[in-house]
PDB file of N, CA and C in Angstrom:
ATOM      1  N   MET A   1     148.441 125.406  90.377  1.00  0.00           N
ATOM      2  CA  MET A   1     148.063 124.211  91.111  1.00  0.00           C
ATOM      3  C   MET A   1     148.325 122.956  90.278  1.00  0.00           C
ATOM      4  N   GLY A   2     147.968 122.982  88.995  1.00  0.00           N
ATOM      5  CA  GLY A   2     148.182 121.837  88.125  1.00  0.00           C
ATOM      6  C   GLY A   2     149.659 121.516  87.960  1.00  0.00           C
ATOM      7  N   ASP A   3     150.500 122.560  87.894  1.00  0.00           N
ATOM      8  CA  ASP A   3     151.942 122.355  87.756  1.00  0.00           C
ATOM      9  C   ASP A   3     152.524 121.695  88.999  1.00  0.00           C
ATOM     10  N   ILE A   4     152.027 122.085  90.163  1.00  0.00           N
ATOM     11  CA  ILE A   4     152.522 121.503  91.416  1.00  0.00           C
ATOM     12  C   ILE A   4     152.148 120.031  91.480  1.00  0.00           C
ATOM     13  N   LEU A   5     150.918 119.710  91.124  1.00  0.00           N
ATOM     14  CA  LEU A   5     150.470 118.316  91.134  1.00  0.00           C
ATOM     15  C   LEU A   5     151.278 117.489  90.134  1.00  0.00           C
ATOM     16  N   ALA A   6     151.516 118.028  88.947  1.00  0.00           N
ATOM     17  CA  ALA A   6     152.305 117.317  87.935  1.00  0.00           C
ATOM     18  C   ALA A   6     153.728 117.088  88.436  1.00  0.00           C
ATOM     19  N   ALA A   7     154.299 118.092  89.086  1.00  0.00           N
ATOM     20  CA  ALA A   7     155.663 117.953  89.613  1.00  0.00           C
ATOM     21  C   ALA A   7     155.709 116.882  90.698  1.00  0.00           C
ATOM     22  N   ARG A   8     154.708 116.854  91.575  1.00  0.00           N
ATOM     23  CA  ARG A   8     154.661 115.845  92.638  1.00  0.00           C
ATOM     24  C   ARG A   8     154.519 114.439  92.050  1.00  0.00           C
ATOM     25  N   LEU A   9     153.686 114.294  91.033  1.00  0.00           N
ATOM     26  CA  LEU A   9     153.513 112.991  90.393  1.00  0.00           C
ATOM     27  C   LEU A   9     154.806 112.546  89.717  1.00  0.00           C
ATOM     28  N   LEU A  10     155.501 113.475  89.079  1.00  0.00           N
ATOM     29  CA  LEU A  10     156.769 113.149  88.435  1.00  0.00           C
ATOM     30  C   LEU A  10     157.798 112.697  89.467  1.00  0.00           C
ATOM     31  N   ILE A  11     157.903 113.417  90.565  1.00  0.00           N
ATOM     32  CA  ILE A  11     158.850 113.058  91.620  1.00  0.00           C
ATOM     33  C   ILE A  11     158.501 111.698  92.206  1.00  0.00           C
ATOM     34  N   ALA A  12     157.229 111.453  92.464  1.00  0.00           N
ATOM     35  CA  ALA A  12     156.812 110.162  93.025  1.00  0.00           C
ATOM     36  C   ALA A  12     157.129 109.019  92.069  1.00  0.00           C
ATOM     37  N   SER A  13     156.894 109.228  90.786  1.00  0.00           N
ATOM     38  CA  SER A  13     157.177 108.156  89.829  1.00  0.00           C
ATOM     39  C   SER A  13     158.673 107.912  89.703  1.00  0.00           C
ATOM     40  N   LEU A  14     159.475 108.974  89.737  1.00  0.00           N
ATOM     41  CA  LEU A  14     160.931 108.799  89.670  1.00  0.00           C
ATOM     42  C   LEU A  14     161.458 108.082  90.905  1.00  0.00           C
ATOM     43  N   LEU A  15     160.928 108.402  92.067  1.00  0.00           N
ATOM     44  CA  LEU A  15     161.331 107.705  93.289  1.00  0.00           C
ATOM     45  C   LEU A  15     160.943 106.234  93.219  1.00  0.00           C
ATOM     46  N   GLY A  16     159.796 105.944  92.660  1.00  0.00           N
ATOM     47  CA  GLY A  16     159.360 104.558  92.511  1.00  0.00           C
ATOM     48  C   GLY A  16     160.274 103.781  91.587  1.00  0.00           C
ATOM     49  N   VAL A  17     160.684 104.391  90.485  1.00  0.00           N
ATOM     50  CA  VAL A  17     161.605 103.734  89.555  1.00  0.00           C
ATOM     51  C   VAL A  17     162.947 103.503  90.229  1.00  0.00           C
ATOM     52  N   ALA A  18     163.435 104.474  90.981  1.00  0.00           N
ATOM     53  CA  ALA A  18     164.716 104.318  91.679  1.00  0.00           C
ATOM     54  C   ALA A  18     164.641 103.190  92.688  1.00  0.00           C
ATOM     55  N   ALA A  19     163.528 103.089  93.404  1.00  0.00           N
ATOM     56  CA  ALA A  19     163.385 102.022  94.400  1.00  0.00           C
ATOM     57  C   ALA A  19     163.346 100.651  93.748  1.00  0.00           C
ATOM     58  N   ILE A  20     162.735 100.556  92.588  1.00  0.00           N
ATOM     59  CA  ILE A  20     162.658  99.274  91.889  1.00  0.00           C
ATOM     60  C   ILE A  20     164.049  98.815  91.467  1.00  0.00           C
ATOM     61  N   GLY A  21     164.920  99.721  91.077  1.00  0.00           N
ATOM     62  CA  GLY A  21     166.238  99.362  90.588  1.00  0.00           C
ATOM     63  C   GLY A  21     167.230  98.979  91.672  1.00  0.00           C
ATOM     64  N   CYS A  22     166.881  99.167  92.936  1.00  0.00           N
ATOM     65  CA  CYS A  22     167.812  98.895  94.027  1.00  0.00           C
ATOM     66  C   CYS A  22     167.551  97.542  94.645  1.00  0.00           C
ATOM     67  N   GLY A  23     168.600  96.971  95.232  1.00  0.00           N
ATOM     68  CA  GLY A  23     168.456  95.734  95.985  1.00  0.00           C
ATOM     69  C   GLY A  23     168.200  94.535  95.103  1.00  0.00           C
ATOM     70  N   GLU A  24     167.688  93.494  95.721  1.00  0.00           N
ATOM     71  CA  GLU A  24     167.418  92.256  95.000  1.00  0.00           C
ATOM     72  C   GLU A  24     165.930  92.182  94.684  1.00  0.00           C
ATOM     73  N   THR A  25     165.642  91.964  93.428  1.00  0.00           N
ATOM     74  CA  THR A  25     164.272  91.784  92.993  1.00  0.00           C
ATOM     75  C   THR A  25     164.243  90.570  92.095  1.00  0.00           C
ATOM     76  N   GLU A  26     163.067  90.158  91.711  1.00  0.00           N
ATOM     77  CA  GLU A  26     162.954  89.005  90.815  1.00  0.00           C
ATOM     78  C   GLU A  26     163.620  89.332  89.491  1.00  0.00           C
ATOM     79  N   ALA A  27     164.605  88.562  89.115  1.00  0.00           N
ATOM     80  CA  ALA A  27     165.323  88.773  87.861  1.00  0.00           C
ATOM     81  C   ALA A  27     164.454  88.324  86.694  1.00  0.00           C
ATOM     82  N   ALA A  28     164.928  88.613  85.498  1.00  0.00           N
ATOM     83  CA  ALA A  28     164.193  88.237  84.295  1.00  0.00           C
ATOM     84  C   ALA A  28     163.897  86.739  84.290  1.00  0.00           C
ATOM     85  N   SER A  29     162.776  86.395  83.764  1.00  0.00           N
ATOM     86  CA  SER A  29     162.331  85.002  83.749  1.00  0.00           C
ATOM     87  C   SER A  29     163.216  84.131  82.877  1.00  0.00           C
ATOM     88  N   ALA A  30     163.404  82.897  83.327  1.00  0.00           N
ATOM     89  CA  ALA A  30     164.192  81.934  82.559  1.00  0.00           C
ATOM     90  C   ALA A  30     163.279  81.025  81.735  1.00  0.00           C
ATOM     91  N   ASP A  31     162.008  81.368  81.624  1.00  0.00           N
ATOM     92  CA  ASP A  31     161.036  80.507  80.952  1.00  0.00           C
ATOM     93  C   ASP A  31     161.409  80.163  79.517  1.00  0.00           C
ATOM     94  N   ASN A  32     161.929  81.116  78.775  1.00  0.00           N
ATOM     95  CA  ASN A  32     162.266  80.884  77.365  1.00  0.00           C
ATOM     96  C   ASN A  32     163.754  80.641  77.157  1.00  0.00           C
ATOM     97  N   PHE A  33     164.455  80.353  78.212  1.00  0.00           N
ATOM     98  CA  PHE A  33     165.905  80.164  78.155  1.00  0.00           C
ATOM     99  C   PHE A  33     166.226  78.703  77.913  1.00  0.00           C
ATOM    100  N   ASN A  34     167.132  78.438  76.989  1.00  0.00           N
ATOM    101  CA  ASN A  34     167.518  77.082  76.632  1.00  0.00           C
ATOM    102  C   ASN A  34     168.767  76.688  77.407  1.00  0.00           C
ATOM    103  N   GLY A  35     168.587  75.912  78.478  1.00  0.00           N
ATOM    104  CA  GLY A  35     169.707  75.440  79.280  1.00  0.00           C
ATOM    105  C   GLY A  35     169.246  74.308  80.172  1.00  0.00           C
ATOM    106  N   ASP A  36     170.148  73.414  80.514  1.00  0.00           N
ATOM    107  CA  ASP A  36     169.851  72.228  81.322  1.00  0.00           C
ATOM    108  C   ASP A  36     170.416  72.441  82.723  1.00  0.00           C
ATOM    109  N   ALA A  37     169.551  72.775  83.673  1.00  0.00           N
ATOM    110  CA  ALA A  37     169.975  73.091  85.037  1.00  0.00           C
ATOM    111  C   ALA A  37     170.643  71.898  85.719  1.00  0.00           C
ATOM    112  N   ARG A  38     170.162  70.711  85.475  1.00  0.00           N
ATOM    113  CA  ARG A  38     170.754  69.518  86.099  1.00  0.00           C
ATOM    114  C   ARG A  38     172.195  69.324  85.611  1.00  0.00           C
ATOM    115  N   ARG A  39     172.378  69.449  84.306  1.00  0.00           N
ATOM    116  CA  ARG A  39     173.729  69.356  83.748  1.00  0.00           C
ATOM    117  C   ARG A  39     174.585  70.520  84.252  1.00  0.00           C
ATOM    118  N   GLY A  40     173.966  71.692  84.392  1.00  0.00           N
ATOM    119  CA  GLY A  40     174.679  72.868  84.887  1.00  0.00           C
ATOM    120  C   GLY A  40     175.252  72.664  86.278  1.00  0.00           C
ATOM    121  N   ALA A  41     174.504  71.984  87.148  1.00  0.00           N
ATOM    122  CA  ALA A  41     175.003  71.705  88.503  1.00  0.00           C
ATOM    123  C   ALA A  41     176.248  70.831  88.437  1.00  0.00           C
ATOM    124  N   ASP A  42     176.249  69.846  87.555  1.00  0.00           N
ATOM    125  CA  ASP A  42     177.437  68.999  87.383  1.00  0.00           C
ATOM    126  C   ASP A  42     178.607  69.804  86.823  1.00  0.00           C
ATOM    127  N   LEU A  43     178.314  70.709  85.897  1.00  0.00           N
ATOM    128  CA  LEU A  43     179.374  71.530  85.306  1.00  0.00           C
ATOM    129  C   LEU A  43     179.987  72.481  86.329  1.00  0.00           C
ATOM    130  N   VAL A  44     179.173  72.992  87.234  1.00  0.00           N
ATOM    131  CA  VAL A  44     179.682  73.857  88.301  1.00  0.00           C
ATOM    132  C   VAL A  44     180.737  73.100  89.108  1.00  0.00           C
ATOM    133  N   LYS A  45     180.480  71.823  89.341  1.00  0.00           N
ATOM    134  CA  LYS A  45     181.467  70.979  90.045  1.00  0.00           C
ATOM    135  C   LYS A  45     182.693  70.753  89.168  1.00  0.00           C
ATOM    136  N   ASN A  46     182.491  70.411  87.894  1.00  0.00           N
ATOM    137  CA  ASN A  46     183.602  70.097  86.983  1.00  0.00           C
ATOM    138  C   ASN A  46     184.523  71.288  86.738  1.00  0.00           C
ATOM    139  N   TYR A  47     183.945  72.486  86.666  1.00  0.00           N
ATOM    140  CA  TYR A  47     184.754  73.684  86.446  1.00  0.00           C
ATOM    141  C   TYR A  47     185.293  74.262  87.757  1.00  0.00           C
ATOM    142  N   HIS A  48     184.980  73.624  88.875  1.00  0.00           N
ATOM    143  CA  HIS A  48     185.475  74.021  90.203  1.00  0.00           C
ATOM    144  C   HIS A  48     185.077  75.451  90.564  1.00  0.00           C
ATOM    145  N   CYS A  49     183.862  75.829  90.207  1.00  0.00           N
ATOM    146  CA  CYS A  49     183.376  77.170  90.519  1.00  0.00           C
ATOM    147  C   CYS A  49     183.365  77.418  92.035  1.00  0.00           C
ATOM    148  N   GLY A  50     183.186  76.348  92.804  1.00  0.00           N
ATOM    149  CA  GLY A  50     183.163  76.453  94.255  1.00  0.00           C
ATOM    150  C   GLY A  50     184.504  76.764  94.874  1.00  0.00           C
ATOM    151  N   GLY A  51     185.574  76.757  94.093  1.00  0.00           N
ATOM    152  CA  GLY A  51     186.868  77.188  94.610  1.00  0.00           C
ATOM    153  C   GLY A  51     186.882  78.680  94.899  1.00  0.00           C
ATOM    154  N   CYS A  52     186.040  79.428  94.197  1.00  0.00           N
ATOM    155  CA  CYS A  52     185.950  80.879  94.390  1.00  0.00           C
ATOM    156  C   CYS A  52     184.614  81.327  94.967  1.00  0.00           C
ATOM    157  N   HIS A  53     183.551  80.536  94.739  1.00  0.00           N
ATOM    158  CA  HIS A  53     182.203  80.938  95.156  1.00  0.00           C
ATOM    159  C   HIS A  53     181.612  79.955  96.162  1.00  0.00           C
ATOM    160  N   ASP A  54     180.833  80.490  97.070  1.00  0.00           N
ATOM    161  CA  ASP A  54     180.009  79.678  97.965  1.00  0.00           C
ATOM    162  C   ASP A  54     178.698  79.430  97.209  1.00  0.00           C
ATOM    163  N   ILE A  55     178.433  78.155  96.894  1.00  0.00           N
ATOM    164  CA  ILE A  55     177.280  77.829  96.049  1.00  0.00           C
ATOM    165  C   ILE A  55     176.401  76.816  96.764  1.00  0.00           C
ATOM    166  N   PRO A  56     175.185  77.204  97.106  1.00  0.00           N
ATOM    167  CA  PRO A  56     174.299  76.261  97.799  1.00  0.00           C
ATOM    168  C   PRO A  56     173.977  75.052  96.929  1.00  0.00           C
ATOM    169  N   GLY A  57     173.934  73.892  97.583  1.00  0.00           N
ATOM    170  CA  GLY A  57     173.585  72.664  96.891  1.00  0.00           C
ATOM    171  C   GLY A  57     174.758  71.979  96.214  1.00  0.00           C
ATOM    172  N   ILE A  58     175.937  72.572  96.263  1.00  0.00           N
ATOM    173  CA  ILE A  58     177.128  71.991  95.646  1.00  0.00           C
ATOM    174  C   ILE A  58     178.118  71.656  96.766  1.00  0.00           C
ATOM    175  N   ALA A  59     178.365  70.370  96.968  1.00  0.00           N
ATOM    176  CA  ALA A  59     179.265  69.923  98.030  1.00  0.00           C
ATOM    177  C   ALA A  59     180.655  70.515  97.837  1.00  0.00           C
ATOM    178  N   GLY A  60     181.219  71.076  98.901  1.00  0.00           N
ATOM    179  CA  GLY A  60     182.564  71.627  98.872  1.00  0.00           C
ATOM    180  C   GLY A  60     182.685  72.987  98.207  1.00  0.00           C
ATOM    181  N   ALA A  61     181.587  73.538  97.708  1.00  0.00           N
ATOM    182  CA  ALA A  61     181.624  74.851  97.058  1.00  0.00           C
ATOM    183  C   ALA A  61     181.481  75.928  98.128  1.00  0.00           C
ATOM    184  N   ASP A  62     182.619  76.244  98.764  1.00  0.00           N
ATOM    185  CA  ASP A  62     182.584  77.195  99.868  1.00  0.00           C
ATOM    186  C   ASP A  62     183.670  78.258  99.727  1.00  0.00           C
ATOM    187  N   GLY A  63     184.017  78.585  98.484  1.00  0.00           N
ATOM    188  CA  GLY A  63     185.046  79.593  98.226  1.00  0.00           C
ATOM    189  C   GLY A  63     184.599  80.972  98.677  1.00  0.00           C
ATOM    190  N   ASN A  64     185.596  81.818  98.945  1.00  0.00           N
ATOM    191  CA  ASN A  64     185.263  83.190  99.361  1.00  0.00           C
ATOM    192  C   ASN A  64     186.060  84.236  98.578  1.00  0.00           C
ATOM    193  N   VAL A  65     186.520  83.869  97.385  1.00  0.00           N
ATOM    194  CA  VAL A  65     187.208  84.829  96.518  1.00  0.00           C
ATOM    195  C   VAL A  65     186.169  85.676  95.790  1.00  0.00           C
ATOM    196  N   GLY A  66     185.195  85.011  95.167  1.00  0.00           N
ATOM    197  CA  GLY A  66     184.095  85.696  94.488  1.00  0.00           C
ATOM    198  C   GLY A  66     182.895  85.772  95.415  1.00  0.00           C
ATOM    199  N   PRO A  67     181.859  86.446  94.991  1.00  0.00           N
ATOM    200  CA  PRO A  67     180.676  86.583  95.851  1.00  0.00           C
ATOM    201  C   PRO A  67     179.949  85.247  96.027  1.00  0.00           C
ATOM    202  N   PRO A  68     179.275  85.076  97.169  1.00  0.00           N
ATOM    203  CA  PRO A  68     178.438  83.893  97.331  1.00  0.00           C
ATOM    204  C   PRO A  68     177.299  83.944  96.310  1.00  0.00           C
ATOM    205  N   LEU A  69     176.893  82.789  95.819  1.00  0.00           N
ATOM    206  CA  LEU A  69     175.873  82.751  94.768  1.00  0.00           C
ATOM    207  C   LEU A  69     174.490  82.387  95.302  1.00  0.00           C
ATOM    208  N   HIS A  70     174.301  82.496  96.609  1.00  0.00           N
ATOM    209  CA  HIS A  70     172.980  82.292  97.195  1.00  0.00           C
ATOM    210  C   HIS A  70     172.016  83.290  96.569  1.00  0.00           C
ATOM    211  N   ARG A  71     170.879  82.811  96.111  1.00  0.00           N
ATOM    212  CA  ARG A  71     169.819  83.653  95.545  1.00  0.00           C
ATOM    213  C   ARG A  71     170.250  84.459  94.326  1.00  0.00           C
ATOM    214  N   VAL A  72     171.276  84.007  93.614  1.00  0.00           N
ATOM    215  CA  VAL A  72     171.743  84.736  92.443  1.00  0.00           C
ATOM    216  C   VAL A  72     170.647  84.822  91.376  1.00  0.00           C
ATOM    217  N   GLY A  73     169.732  83.870  91.376  1.00  0.00           N
ATOM    218  CA  GLY A  73     168.638  83.884  90.412  1.00  0.00           C
ATOM    219  C   GLY A  73     167.634  84.997  90.642  1.00  0.00           C
ATOM    220  N   THR A  74     167.724  85.683  91.769  1.00  0.00           N
ATOM    221  CA  THR A  74     166.799  86.779  92.058  1.00  0.00           C
ATOM    222  C   THR A  74     167.476  88.143  92.041  1.00  0.00           C
ATOM    223  N   ARG A  75     168.763  88.171  91.820  1.00  0.00           N
ATOM    224  CA  ARG A  75     169.481  89.453  91.858  1.00  0.00           C
ATOM    225  C   ARG A  75     169.168  90.302  90.635  1.00  0.00           C
ATOM    226  N   THR A  76     169.255  91.601  90.824  1.00  0.00           N
ATOM    227  CA  THR A  76     168.986  92.544  89.749  1.00  0.00           C
ATOM    228  C   THR A  76     170.162  92.665  88.801  1.00  0.00           C
ATOM    229  N   TYR A  77     171.371  92.597  89.345  1.00  0.00           N
ATOM    230  CA  TYR A  77     172.570  92.793  88.529  1.00  0.00           C
ATOM    231  C   TYR A  77     173.570  91.657  88.716  1.00  0.00           C
ATOM    232  N   ILE A  78     174.362  91.445  87.695  1.00  0.00           N
ATOM    233  CA  ILE A  78     175.511  90.556  87.721  1.00  0.00           C
ATOM    234  C   ILE A  78     176.722  91.465  87.891  1.00  0.00           C
ATOM    235  N   ALA A  79     177.545  91.186  88.885  1.00  0.00           N
ATOM    236  CA  ALA A  79     178.752  91.977  89.160  1.00  0.00           C
ATOM    237  C   ALA A  79     178.431  93.443  89.427  1.00  0.00           C
ATOM    238  N   GLY A  80     177.212  93.725  89.863  1.00  0.00           N
ATOM    239  CA  GLY A  80     176.824  95.088  90.181  1.00  0.00           C
ATOM    240  C   GLY A  80     176.744  96.009  88.979  1.00  0.00           C
ATOM    241  N   TYR A  81     176.742  95.439  87.777  1.00  0.00           N
ATOM    242  CA  TYR A  81     176.870  96.259  86.570  1.00  0.00           C
ATOM    243  C   TYR A  81     175.957  95.815  85.430  1.00  0.00           C
ATOM    244  N   ILE A  82     175.801  94.514  85.253  1.00  0.00           N
ATOM    245  CA  ILE A  82     175.093  93.972  84.098  1.00  0.00           C
ATOM    246  C   ILE A  82     173.701  93.510  84.523  1.00  0.00           C
ATOM    247  N   GLN A  83     172.676  93.935  83.792  1.00  0.00           N
ATOM    248  CA  GLN A  83     171.308  93.517  84.095  1.00  0.00           C
ATOM    249  C   GLN A  83     171.239  91.993  84.126  1.00  0.00           C
ATOM    250  N   ASN A  84     170.698  91.441  85.192  1.00  0.00           N
ATOM    251  CA  ASN A  84     170.633  89.990  85.346  1.00  0.00           C
ATOM    252  C   ASN A  84     169.512  89.416  84.486  1.00  0.00           C
ATOM    253  N   SER A  85     169.907  88.600  83.540  1.00  0.00           N
ATOM    254  CA  SER A  85     168.971  87.832  82.716  1.00  0.00           C
ATOM    255  C   SER A  85     169.679  86.527  82.400  1.00  0.00           C
ATOM    256  N   PRO A  86     168.951  85.491  82.029  1.00  0.00           N
ATOM    257  CA  PRO A  86     169.623  84.229  81.698  1.00  0.00           C
ATOM    258  C   PRO A  86     170.664  84.378  80.587  1.00  0.00           C
ATOM    259  N   ASP A  87     170.334  85.121  79.550  1.00  0.00           N
ATOM    260  CA  ASP A  87     171.284  85.306  78.453  1.00  0.00           C
ATOM    261  C   ASP A  87     172.524  86.076  78.910  1.00  0.00           C
ATOM    262  N   ASN A  88     172.321  87.135  79.703  1.00  0.00           N
ATOM    263  CA  ASN A  88     173.461  87.894  80.206  1.00  0.00           C
ATOM    264  C   ASN A  88     174.302  87.061  81.167  1.00  0.00           C
ATOM    265  N   MET A  89     173.640  86.233  81.980  1.00  0.00           N
ATOM    266  CA  MET A  89     174.379  85.363  82.896  1.00  0.00           C
ATOM    267  C   MET A  89     175.250  84.384  82.111  1.00  0.00           C
ATOM    268  N   ALA A  90     174.696  83.788  81.060  1.00  0.00           N
ATOM    269  CA  ALA A  90     175.465  82.846  80.239  1.00  0.00           C
ATOM    270  C   ALA A  90     176.642  83.557  79.576  1.00  0.00           C
ATOM    271  N   ALA A  91     176.426  84.764  79.056  1.00  0.00           N
ATOM    272  CA  ALA A  91     177.510  85.522  78.432  1.00  0.00           C
ATOM    273  C   ALA A  91     178.590  85.858  79.455  1.00  0.00           C
ATOM    274  N   TRP A  92     178.176  86.201  80.663  1.00  0.00           N
ATOM    275  CA  TRP A  92     179.121  86.498  81.746  1.00  0.00           C
ATOM    276  C   TRP A  92     179.976  85.266  82.062  1.00  0.00           C
ATOM    277  N   ILE A  93     179.346  84.120  82.185  1.00  0.00           N
ATOM    278  CA  ILE A  93     180.062  82.884  82.514  1.00  0.00           C
ATOM    279  C   ILE A  93     181.030  82.517  81.388  1.00  0.00           C
ATOM    280  N   GLU A  94     180.596  82.698  80.160  1.00  0.00           N
ATOM    281  CA  GLU A  94     181.433  82.351  79.007  1.00  0.00           C
ATOM    282  C   GLU A  94     182.671  83.255  78.917  1.00  0.00           C
ATOM    283  N   ASP A  95     182.485  84.554  79.109  1.00  0.00           N
ATOM    284  CA  ASP A  95     183.624  85.473  79.000  1.00  0.00           C
ATOM    285  C   ASP A  95     183.402  86.707  79.875  1.00  0.00           C
ATOM    286  N   PRO A  96     183.683  86.577  81.179  1.00  0.00           N
ATOM    287  CA  PRO A  96     183.444  87.704  82.085  1.00  0.00           C
ATOM    288  C   PRO A  96     184.322  88.920  81.774  1.00  0.00           C
ATOM    289  N   GLN A  97     185.477  88.704  81.177  1.00  0.00           N
ATOM    290  CA  GLN A  97     186.352  89.833  80.848  1.00  0.00           C
ATOM    291  C   GLN A  97     185.821  90.647  79.670  1.00  0.00           C
ATOM    292  N   LYS A  98     185.109  90.005  78.769  1.00  0.00           N
ATOM    293  CA  LYS A  98     184.476  90.736  77.659  1.00  0.00           C
ATOM    294  C   LYS A  98     183.305  91.559  78.194  1.00  0.00           C
ATOM    295  N   ALA A  99     182.569  90.970  79.140  1.00  0.00           N
ATOM    296  CA  ALA A  99     181.399  91.646  79.697  1.00  0.00           C
ATOM    297  C   ALA A  99     181.795  92.844  80.553  1.00  0.00           C
ATOM    298  N   LEU A 100     182.854  92.703  81.322  1.00  0.00           N
ATOM    299  CA  LEU A 100     183.295  93.772  82.220  1.00  0.00           C
ATOM    300  C   LEU A 100     184.821  93.677  82.357  1.00  0.00           C
ATOM    301  N   PRO A 101     185.558  94.307  81.437  1.00  0.00           N
ATOM    302  CA  PRO A 101     187.019  94.196  81.444  1.00  0.00           C
ATOM    303  C   PRO A 101     187.633  94.594  82.789  1.00  0.00           C
ATOM    304  N   GLY A 102     188.597  93.784  83.221  1.00  0.00           N
ATOM    305  CA  GLY A 102     189.320  94.087  84.443  1.00  0.00           C
ATOM    306  C   GLY A 102     188.691  93.570  85.721  1.00  0.00           C
ATOM    307  N   ASN A 103     187.540  92.915  85.630  1.00  0.00           N
ATOM    308  CA  ASN A 103     186.933  92.392  86.850  1.00  0.00           C
ATOM    309  C   ASN A 103     187.756  91.197  87.339  1.00  0.00           C
ATOM    310  N   ALA A 104     187.463  90.723  88.543  1.00  0.00           N
ATOM    311  CA  ALA A 104     188.281  89.675  89.161  1.00  0.00           C
ATOM    312  C   ALA A 104     188.014  88.273  88.620  1.00  0.00           C
ATOM    313  N   MET A 105     186.916  88.068  87.920  1.00  0.00           N
ATOM    314  CA  MET A 105     186.601  86.719  87.447  1.00  0.00           C
ATOM    315  C   MET A 105     187.336  86.435  86.138  1.00  0.00           C
ATOM    316  N   PRO A 106     188.157  85.386  86.132  1.00  0.00           N
ATOM    317  CA  PRO A 106     188.914  85.085  84.920  1.00  0.00           C
ATOM    318  C   PRO A 106     188.067  84.365  83.874  1.00  0.00           C
ATOM    319  N   ARG A 107     188.494  84.451  82.640  1.00  0.00           N
ATOM    320  CA  ARG A 107     187.874  83.650  81.576  1.00  0.00           C
ATOM    321  C   ARG A 107     188.336  82.214  81.788  1.00  0.00           C
ATOM    322  N   MET A 108     187.378  81.298  81.927  1.00  0.00           N
ATOM    323  CA  MET A 108     187.685  79.914  82.265  1.00  0.00           C
ATOM    324  C   MET A 108     187.666  78.986  81.058  1.00  0.00           C
ATOM    325  N   GLY A 109     187.405  79.532  79.863  1.00  0.00           N
ATOM    326  CA  GLY A 109     187.336  78.694  78.673  1.00  0.00           C
ATOM    327  C   GLY A 109     186.068  77.862  78.624  1.00  0.00           C
ATOM    328  N   ILE A 110     185.003  78.368  79.222  1.00  0.00           N
ATOM    329  CA  ILE A 110     183.730  77.653  79.260  1.00  0.00           C
ATOM    330  C   ILE A 110     182.990  77.913  77.950  1.00  0.00           C
ATOM    331  N   PRO A 111     182.695  76.854  77.182  1.00  0.00           N
ATOM    332  CA  PRO A 111     181.970  77.055  75.918  1.00  0.00           C
ATOM    333  C   PRO A 111     180.528  77.492  76.156  1.00  0.00           C
ATOM    334  N   GLN A 112     179.933  78.068  75.115  1.00  0.00           N
ATOM    335  CA  GLN A 112     178.596  78.638  75.220  1.00  0.00           C
ATOM    336  C   GLN A 112     177.564  77.644  75.752  1.00  0.00           C
ATOM    337  N   LYS A 113     177.564  76.419  75.254  1.00  0.00           N
ATOM    338  CA  LYS A 113     176.579  75.414  75.710  1.00  0.00           C
ATOM    339  C   LYS A 113     176.706  75.172  77.208  1.00  0.00           C
ATOM    340  N   ASP A 114     177.929  75.011  77.691  1.00  0.00           N
ATOM    341  CA  ASP A 114     178.144  74.803  79.122  1.00  0.00           C
ATOM    342  C   ASP A 114     177.734  76.039  79.920  1.00  0.00           C
ATOM    343  N   ALA A 115     178.063  77.219  79.405  1.00  0.00           N
ATOM    344  CA  ALA A 115     177.705  78.460  80.096  1.00  0.00           C
ATOM    345  C   ALA A 115     176.193  78.582  80.230  1.00  0.00           C
ATOM    346  N   ARG A 116     175.464  78.181  79.200  1.00  0.00           N
ATOM    347  CA  ARG A 116     173.999  78.260  79.261  1.00  0.00           C
ATOM    348  C   ARG A 116     173.442  77.259  80.274  1.00  0.00           C
ATOM    349  N   ASP A 117     174.045  76.092  80.361  1.00  0.00           N
ATOM    350  CA  ASP A 117     173.588  75.108  81.347  1.00  0.00           C
ATOM    351  C   ASP A 117     173.915  75.561  82.772  1.00  0.00           C
ATOM    352  N   ILE A 118     175.091  76.149  82.957  1.00  0.00           N
ATOM    353  CA  ILE A 118     175.441  76.673  84.284  1.00  0.00           C
ATOM    354  C   ILE A 118     174.495  77.803  84.664  1.00  0.00           C
ATOM    355  N   ALA A 119     174.211  78.684  83.726  1.00  0.00           N
ATOM    356  CA  ALA A 119     173.271  79.779  83.995  1.00  0.00           C
ATOM    357  C   ALA A 119     171.901  79.220  84.371  1.00  0.00           C
ATOM    358  N   ALA A 120     171.451  78.186  83.674  1.00  0.00           N
ATOM    359  CA  ALA A 120     170.156  77.573  84.002  1.00  0.00           C
ATOM    360  C   ALA A 120     170.170  77.053  85.436  1.00  0.00           C
ATOM    361  N   PHE A 121     171.277  76.438  85.865  1.00  0.00           N
ATOM    362  CA  PHE A 121     171.386  75.980  87.252  1.00  0.00           C
ATOM    363  C   PHE A 121     171.363  77.177  88.209  1.00  0.00           C
ATOM    364  N   LEU A 122     172.140  78.207  87.922  1.00  0.00           N
ATOM    365  CA  LEU A 122     172.194  79.359  88.827  1.00  0.00           C
ATOM    366  C   LEU A 122     170.826  80.014  88.985  1.00  0.00           C
ATOM    367  N   TYR A 123     170.002  79.948  87.954  1.00  0.00           N
ATOM    368  CA  TYR A 123     168.662  80.517  88.050  1.00  0.00           C
ATOM    369  C   TYR A 123     167.734  79.699  88.936  1.00  0.00           C
ATOM    370  N   THR A 124     168.160  78.515  89.333  1.00  0.00           N
ATOM    371  CA  THR A 124     167.357  77.743  90.297  1.00  0.00           C
ATOM    372  C   THR A 124     167.640  78.212  91.717  1.00  0.00           C
ATOM    373  N   LEU A 125     168.678  79.015  91.908  1.00  0.00           N
ATOM    374  CA  LEU A 125     169.053  79.499  93.240  1.00  0.00           C
ATOM    375  C   LEU A 125     168.264  80.761  93.545  1.00  0.00           C
ATOM    376  N   LYS A 126     167.145  80.564  94.219  1.00  0.00           N
ATOM    377  CA  LYS A 126     166.241  81.694  94.503  1.00  0.00           C
ATOM    378  C   LYS A 126     166.007  81.854  95.976  1.00  0.00           C
TER     379      LYS A 126
END
């Protein structure tokens, strides 16, 4: 009887963990992240990110090459592969080919400071 109960508890906990990892959930907090979201919004315009992405709050950012960035601040993964956190988002923006070789997003030559500011802006999209 004890073994059956333990097995049921194990299965229930594993199912709970699997459910947590799926879909969109609150991403890691940006509370301790060093980035300027206001400057990031301007940089998104300057780097023409909207040529490939649909980005809310950015005039003319209605591209459909890359995924829409609506609610990107709440997604669990970046590119369906990388755990979404402010630091990982900044690293992705700085060099997406290093993060996931062969993906469709090109390296845009965005320096680390700009990438962190863009990531801070993207985390406002919830």
